[in-house]
Every structure is written in C-alpha cells, then in structure tokens.
Amino acid sequence: FIYSFIENFFVKFDFLASSYASIYEDSVKRELSLLDVNRKTKILHIGCGSLPLTVKYLYKYTPAELIVGIDNTMRAVKNAKLYLNREDIRGRVKIEYGDGISYELEDFDIIFLSWGVEPREKVLHNIFGRMRKNGKLVLRLPSQDCLDEKLKRMINEHSMVITNQVSRPFFGSAVSILLMKK
C-alpha cells in the first residue's frame, strides 16, 4: 500500500516527516470537530503505521485519558514508537503490536480505522461486534463511493448508525464517516 511505503520512508527523515505531518494535521482536526472528547475518553487507532500522526494530533488536541495506536507489522510499531519518542509524546499514549481482527476493543469510546487496514471486512466485523454501546467509529474511506451497499448492509446489521462525515481534502476525495453503536 502506497501510504505504508511513504510513511516508512518519511519517518527516517525529520524534514519529510514534519512536512507531511503539517499537511495531515488539518484532516485530524476535521475529524475531531465531529467528536466530543473529554478526560475520561479512551481512543484506539487501528492501523497507526510507522508515522502515527493521528495519535500525535489526538494527543495534541484532546484531553483523552488514553490514546492507543496499533499496527500489525512490527516494523511500523518500532518506527511509530521511535517517532513519538523523538516528538516527546509520552504518558497518555501507547503504541502496540496488534490487529483489528482480534484486538480487544471493548474499553474504547472512540476508534479510528485507517483506510489501508486489511482485511477490512473482518476488522469491521470485530469492531461492530465488540464495540460498546454509544461507542464511535471514525471510518476513513478513500472516497464517498466506497460506502457501497455491502458496507451499508454491514453497518445496519450491527446496529451502527452513520451520524456525520467530513471531507479530507488533502487526500483527494477521501472522507471520514462517523458511526455510532446503538
């Protein structure tokens, strides 16, 4: 996946990482405008990658009690930890090896799902099936067209409701859709 390649390359060079980060920041702020985050909120980001910018900006812009980023490649986990350490981001943040298919997510209030996470359908089944009532999912999609009938059916079958969405202009036609568990 192209974003994995870019992040693995950018994380090695501070200048490239910071340039990419400044562009990415607006997308996370847009997503945060859809959410109410307080000091008791626990957030999980599935697919944090080598350059955990979502985790970085959740840390910067929210008072969340806990922010956990997971990735299913050890290289990404190692790079993500190094990056956050260089950025002096500690305390409320953890990076762990894990995948969205089996990760225990019942304790989280908000989950961010990166669009490159695979196998997406199995990950969504885990999230939809195990997410707590009133839990929120920020589902990142490359375009509105990706919200196809199959995905809409999955959402309905698992008592999820689409409550809002926001565009991510830096990423072309990308959108983030906010879902809530009924």
C-alpha atoms as a PDB file:
ATOM      1  CA  PHE A   1       0.000   0.000   0.000  1.00  0.00           C
ATOM      2  CA  ILE A   2       1.400   3.377  -1.037  1.00  0.00           C
ATOM      3  CA  TYR A   3       0.859   5.115   2.324  1.00  0.00           C
ATOM      4  CA  SER A   4       2.809   2.432   4.178  1.00  0.00           C
ATOM      5  CA  PHE A   5       5.708   2.929   1.800  1.00  0.00           C
ATOM      6  CA  ILE A   6       5.574   6.720   2.158  1.00  0.00           C
ATOM      7  CA  GLU A   7       5.421   6.561   5.957  1.00  0.00           C
ATOM      8  CA  ASN A   8       8.273   4.043   6.186  1.00  0.00           C
ATOM      9  CA  PHE A   9      10.372   6.396   4.065  1.00  0.00           C
ATOM     10  CA  PHE A  10       9.306   9.710   5.666  1.00  0.00           C
ATOM     11  CA  VAL A  11       9.808   8.506   9.251  1.00  0.00           C
ATOM     12  CA  LYS A  12      13.554   8.244   8.556  1.00  0.00           C
ATOM     13  CA  PHE A  13      13.860  11.944   7.680  1.00  0.00           C
ATOM     14  CA  ASP A  14      12.646  14.574  10.140  1.00  0.00           C
ATOM     15  CA  PHE A  15      12.128  17.206   7.445  1.00  0.00           C
ATOM     16  CA  LEU A  16       9.903  14.944   5.328  1.00  0.00           C
ATOM     17  CA  ALA A  17       8.008  13.668   8.364  1.00  0.00           C
ATOM     18  CA  SER A  18       7.307  17.180   9.650  1.00  0.00           C
ATOM     19  CA  SER A  19       6.220  18.426   6.207  1.00  0.00           C
ATOM     20  CA  TYR A  20       3.799  15.520   5.814  1.00  0.00           C
ATOM     21  CA  ALA A  21       2.619  15.980   9.414  1.00  0.00           C
ATOM     22  CA  SER A  22       1.701  19.625   8.923  1.00  0.00           C
ATOM     23  CA  ILE A  23      -0.482  18.722   5.939  1.00  0.00           C
ATOM     24  CA  TYR A  24      -2.050  15.767   7.772  1.00  0.00           C
ATOM     25  CA  GLU A  25      -2.915  17.839  10.853  1.00  0.00           C
ATOM     26  CA  ASP A  26      -5.912  19.516   9.201  1.00  0.00           C
ATOM     27  CA  SER A  27      -7.529  16.153   8.439  1.00  0.00           C
ATOM     28  CA  VAL A  28      -7.355  15.057  12.065  1.00  0.00           C
ATOM     29  CA  LYS A  29      -8.729  18.420  13.233  1.00  0.00           C
ATOM     30  CA  ARG A  30     -11.673  17.988  10.849  1.00  0.00           C
ATOM     31  CA  GLU A  31     -12.383  14.550  12.308  1.00  0.00           C
ATOM     32  CA  LEU A  32     -12.108  15.881  15.852  1.00  0.00           C
ATOM     33  CA  SER A  33     -14.755  18.502  15.053  1.00  0.00           C
ATOM     34  CA  LEU A  34     -17.230  15.583  14.888  1.00  0.00           C
ATOM     35  CA  LEU A  35     -16.323  14.230  18.324  1.00  0.00           C
ATOM     36  CA  ASP A  36     -16.717  15.147  21.963  1.00  0.00           C
ATOM     37  CA  VAL A  37     -13.530  14.076  23.743  1.00  0.00           C
ATOM     38  CA  ASN A  38     -13.044  14.547  27.486  1.00  0.00           C
ATOM     39  CA  ARG A  39     -10.523  13.470  30.145  1.00  0.00           C
ATOM     40  CA  LYS A  40     -12.171  10.060  30.538  1.00  0.00           C
ATOM     41  CA  THR A  41     -12.238   9.233  26.826  1.00  0.00           C
ATOM     42  CA  LYS A  42     -10.213   6.259  25.600  1.00  0.00           C
ATOM     43  CA  ILE A  43      -9.280   6.244  21.917  1.00  0.00           C
ATOM     44  CA  LEU A  44      -7.934   3.427  19.724  1.00  0.00           C
ATOM     45  CA  HIS A  45      -6.373   3.939  16.298  1.00  0.00           C
ATOM     46  CA  ILE A  46      -6.228   0.757  14.209  1.00  0.00           C
ATOM     47  CA  GLY A  47      -3.528   0.936  11.546  1.00  0.00           C
ATOM     48  CA  CYS A  48      -1.350   3.677  13.053  1.00  0.00           C
ATOM     49  CA  GLY A  49       1.569   2.889  10.733  1.00  0.00           C
ATOM     50  CA  SER A  50       5.190   3.994  11.009  1.00  0.00           C
ATOM     51  CA  LEU A  51       4.253   7.658  11.212  1.00  0.00           C
ATOM     52  CA  PRO A  52       1.477   7.778  13.854  1.00  0.00           C
ATOM     53  CA  LEU A  53       0.184  11.243  13.032  1.00  0.00           C
ATOM     54  CA  THR A  54      -3.372  10.537  14.127  1.00  0.00           C
ATOM     55  CA  VAL A  55      -2.036   9.517  17.540  1.00  0.00           C
ATOM     56  CA  LYS A  56       0.191  12.612  17.633  1.00  0.00           C
ATOM     57  CA  TYR A  57      -2.670  15.011  16.930  1.00  0.00           C
ATOM     58  CA  LEU A  58      -5.123  13.238  19.209  1.00  0.00           C
ATOM     59  CA  TYR A  59      -2.527  13.758  21.933  1.00  0.00           C
ATOM     60  CA  LYS A  60      -2.031  17.402  20.980  1.00  0.00           C
ATOM     61  CA  TYR A  61      -5.684  18.418  20.579  1.00  0.00           C
ATOM     62  CA  THR A  62      -7.609  16.285  23.074  1.00  0.00           C
ATOM     63  CA  PRO A  63      -7.529  15.682  26.825  1.00  0.00           C
ATOM     64  CA  ALA A  64      -8.236  11.953  26.253  1.00  0.00           C
ATOM     65  CA  GLU A  65      -7.197   9.718  29.134  1.00  0.00           C
ATOM     66  CA  LEU A  66      -5.659   7.119  26.818  1.00  0.00           C
ATOM     67  CA  ILE A  67      -4.705   7.026  23.136  1.00  0.00           C
ATOM     68  CA  VAL A  68      -3.569   3.658  21.762  1.00  0.00           C
ATOM     69  CA  GLY A  69      -2.227   3.122  18.260  1.00  0.00           C
ATOM     70  CA  ILE A  70      -1.921  -0.429  16.935  1.00  0.00           C
ATOM     71  CA  ASP A  71      -0.400  -1.864  13.800  1.00  0.00           C
ATOM     72  CA  ASN A  72       0.032  -5.439  12.586  1.00  0.00           C
ATOM     73  CA  THR A  73       3.611  -5.000  11.394  1.00  0.00           C
ATOM     74  CA  MET A  74       6.451  -4.940  13.911  1.00  0.00           C
ATOM     75  CA  ARG A  75       8.451  -2.537  11.748  1.00  0.00           C
ATOM     76  CA  ALA A  76       5.646   0.024  11.873  1.00  0.00           C
ATOM     77  CA  VAL A  77       5.295  -0.395  15.649  1.00  0.00           C
ATOM     78  CA  LYS A  78       9.036   0.106  16.140  1.00  0.00           C
ATOM     79  CA  ASN A  79       9.114   3.164  13.863  1.00  0.00           C
ATOM     80  CA  ALA A  80       5.989   4.636  15.480  1.00  0.00           C
ATOM     81  CA  LYS A  81       7.487   4.337  18.964  1.00  0.00           C
ATOM     82  CA  LEU A  82      10.724   5.968  17.798  1.00  0.00           C
ATOM     83  CA  TYR A  83       8.823   8.797  16.114  1.00  0.00           C
ATOM     84  CA  LEU A  84       6.679   9.569  19.170  1.00  0.00           C
ATOM     85  CA  ASN A  85       9.762   9.447  21.372  1.00  0.00           C
ATOM     86  CA  ARG A  86      11.518  11.974  19.088  1.00  0.00           C
ATOM     87  CA  GLU A  87       8.413  14.168  19.257  1.00  0.00           C
ATOM     88  CA  ASP A  88       8.471  13.890  23.083  1.00  0.00           C
ATOM     89  CA  ILE A  89       4.968  12.402  23.164  1.00  0.00           C
ATOM     90  CA  ARG A  90       4.569  10.291  26.284  1.00  0.00           C
ATOM     91  CA  GLY A  91       2.170   9.474  29.074  1.00  0.00           C
ATOM     92  CA  ARG A  92      -1.342   9.114  27.684  1.00  0.00           C
ATOM     93  CA  VAL A  93      -0.105   7.389  24.519  1.00  0.00           C
ATOM     94  CA  LYS A  94       0.765   3.758  23.773  1.00  0.00           C
ATOM     95  CA  ILE A  95       1.794   2.041  20.560  1.00  0.00           C
ATOM     96  CA  GLU A  96       1.212  -1.710  20.439  1.00  0.00           C
ATOM     97  CA  TYR A  97       1.526  -4.599  18.047  1.00  0.00           C
ATOM     98  CA  GLY A  98      -1.951  -5.842  17.215  1.00  0.00           C
ATOM     99  CA  ASP A  99      -4.533  -6.245  14.517  1.00  0.00           C
ATOM    100  CA  GLY A 100      -8.093  -5.123  14.199  1.00  0.00           C
ATOM    101  CA  ILE A 101      -9.411  -8.662  13.790  1.00  0.00           C
ATOM    102  CA  SER A 102      -8.690  -9.859  17.312  1.00  0.00           C
ATOM    103  CA  TYR A 103      -7.722  -6.776  19.321  1.00  0.00           C
ATOM    104  CA  GLU A 104      -9.831  -6.320  22.456  1.00  0.00           C
ATOM    105  CA  LEU A 105     -11.544  -3.007  21.951  1.00  0.00           C
ATOM    106  CA  GLU A 106     -14.458  -3.044  24.368  1.00  0.00           C
ATOM    107  CA  ASP A 107     -12.822  -0.457  26.659  1.00  0.00           C
ATOM    108  CA  PHE A 108     -12.527   2.221  23.982  1.00  0.00           C
ATOM    109  CA  ASP A 109     -15.014   5.049  23.488  1.00  0.00           C
ATOM    110  CA  ILE A 110     -13.737   6.086  20.054  1.00  0.00           C
ATOM    111  CA  ILE A 111     -11.999   4.028  17.374  1.00  0.00           C
ATOM    112  CA  PHE A 112     -10.246   5.404  14.303  1.00  0.00           C
ATOM    113  CA  LEU A 113      -9.871   2.943  11.410  1.00  0.00           C
ATOM    114  CA  SER A 114      -7.310   3.851   8.748  1.00  0.00           C
ATOM    115  CA  TRP A 115      -8.377   3.160   5.187  1.00  0.00           C
ATOM    116  CA  GLY A 116      -5.422   0.885   4.396  1.00  0.00           C
ATOM    117  CA  VAL A 117      -6.260  -1.665   7.087  1.00  0.00           C
ATOM    118  CA  GLU A 118      -6.830  -5.153   5.688  1.00  0.00           C
ATOM    119  CA  PRO A 119      -8.749  -7.391   5.705  1.00  0.00           C
ATOM    120  CA  ARG A 120     -11.198  -4.519   6.160  1.00  0.00           C
ATOM    121  CA  GLU A 121     -14.373  -6.600   6.310  1.00  0.00           C
ATOM    122  CA  LYS A 122     -13.065  -8.844   9.115  1.00  0.00           C
ATOM    123  CA  VAL A 123     -11.776  -5.836  11.041  1.00  0.00           C
ATOM    124  CA  LEU A 124     -15.153  -4.110  10.713  1.00  0.00           C
ATOM    125  CA  HIS A 125     -16.947  -7.250  11.934  1.00  0.00           C
ATOM    126  CA  ASN A 126     -14.723  -7.230  15.028  1.00  0.00           C
ATOM    127  CA  ILE A 127     -15.318  -3.531  15.648  1.00  0.00           C
ATOM    128  CA  PHE A 128     -19.061  -3.667  15.031  1.00  0.00           C
ATOM    129  CA  GLY A 129     -19.473  -6.822  17.105  1.00  0.00           C
ATOM    130  CA  ARG A 130     -17.387  -5.787  20.107  1.00  0.00           C
ATOM    131  CA  MET A 131     -17.753  -2.035  20.275  1.00  0.00           C
ATOM    132  CA  ARG A 132     -19.525  -0.742  23.365  1.00  0.00           C
ATOM    133  CA  LYS A 133     -22.971   0.843  23.164  1.00  0.00           C
ATOM    134  CA  ASN A 134     -22.702   4.511  22.116  1.00  0.00           C
ATOM    135  CA  GLY A 135     -19.113   3.863  21.012  1.00  0.00           C
ATOM    136  CA  LYS A 136     -17.981   5.834  17.989  1.00  0.00           C
ATOM    137  CA  LEU A 137     -16.035   4.765  14.920  1.00  0.00           C
ATOM    138  CA  VAL A 138     -14.244   7.194  12.625  1.00  0.00           C
ATOM    139  CA  LEU A 139     -14.147   5.192   9.405  1.00  0.00           C
ATOM    140  CA  ARG A 140     -11.697   6.582   6.873  1.00  0.00           C
ATOM    141  CA  LEU A 141     -12.524   5.892   3.236  1.00  0.00           C
ATOM    142  CA  PRO A 142     -10.687   6.893   0.047  1.00  0.00           C
ATOM    143  CA  SER A 143     -13.960   8.298  -1.320  1.00  0.00           C
ATOM    144  CA  GLN A 144     -17.679   8.540  -0.626  1.00  0.00           C
ATOM    145  CA  ASP A 145     -18.152   5.868  -3.324  1.00  0.00           C
ATOM    146  CA  CYS A 146     -16.531   3.308  -1.007  1.00  0.00           C
ATOM    147  CA  LEU A 147     -19.612   3.491   1.194  1.00  0.00           C
ATOM    148  CA  ASP A 148     -21.219   0.855  -1.007  1.00  0.00           C
ATOM    149  CA  GLU A 149     -24.314  -1.268  -0.425  1.00  0.00           C
ATOM    150  CA  LYS A 150     -22.319  -4.098   1.162  1.00  0.00           C
ATOM    151  CA  LEU A 151     -20.790  -1.755   3.740  1.00  0.00           C
ATOM    152  CA  LYS A 152     -24.153  -0.069   4.394  1.00  0.00           C
ATOM    153  CA  ARG A 153     -25.696  -3.509   4.988  1.00  0.00           C
ATOM    154  CA  MET A 154     -22.926  -4.402   7.459  1.00  0.00           C
ATOM    155  CA  ILE A 155     -23.487  -1.115   9.277  1.00  0.00           C
ATOM    156  CA  ASN A 156     -27.238  -1.766   9.596  1.00  0.00           C
ATOM    157  CA  GLU A 157     -26.825  -5.422  10.614  1.00  0.00           C
ATOM    158  CA  HIS A 158     -24.589  -4.433  13.526  1.00  0.00           C
ATOM    159  CA  SER A 159     -26.780  -1.664  14.973  1.00  0.00           C
ATOM    160  CA  MET A 160     -24.458   1.082  13.791  1.00  0.00           C
ATOM    161  CA  VAL A 161     -25.704   4.481  12.650  1.00  0.00           C
ATOM    162  CA  ILE A 162     -23.944   6.982  10.402  1.00  0.00           C
ATOM    163  CA  THR A 163     -24.125  10.261  12.316  1.00  0.00           C
ATOM    164  CA  ASN A 164     -21.850  12.569  10.342  1.00  0.00           C
ATOM    165  CA  GLN A 165     -18.992  12.816   7.889  1.00  0.00           C
ATOM    166  CA  VAL A 166     -16.202  15.168   6.931  1.00  0.00           C
ATOM    167  CA  SER A 167     -14.041  15.519   3.837  1.00  0.00           C
ATOM    168  CA  ARG A 168     -10.259  15.153   3.951  1.00  0.00           C
ATOM    169  CA  PRO A 169      -9.236  17.455   1.078  1.00  0.00           C
ATOM    170  CA  PHE A 170      -5.504  16.771   1.222  1.00  0.00           C
ATOM    171  CA  PHE A 171      -6.291  13.154   0.351  1.00  0.00           C
ATOM    172  CA  GLY A 172      -8.323  13.961  -2.765  1.00  0.00           C
ATOM    173  CA  SER A 173     -11.896  12.745  -2.424  1.00  0.00           C
ATOM    174  CA  ALA A 174     -11.265  10.997   0.911  1.00  0.00           C
ATOM    175  CA  VAL A 175     -13.907  11.135   3.639  1.00  0.00           C
ATOM    176  CA  SER A 176     -14.152  10.207   7.277  1.00  0.00           C
ATOM    177  CA  ILE A 177     -17.512   8.832   8.317  1.00  0.00           C
ATOM    178  CA  LEU A 178     -18.608   8.902  11.947  1.00  0.00           C
ATOM    179  CA  LEU A 179     -20.609   5.881  13.066  1.00  0.00           C
ATOM    180  CA  MET A 180     -22.158   5.206  16.467  1.00  0.00           C
ATOM    181  CA  LYS A 181     -23.196   1.911  18.035  1.00  0.00           C
ATOM    182  CA  LYS A 182     -26.877   1.915  19.046  1.00  0.00           C
END
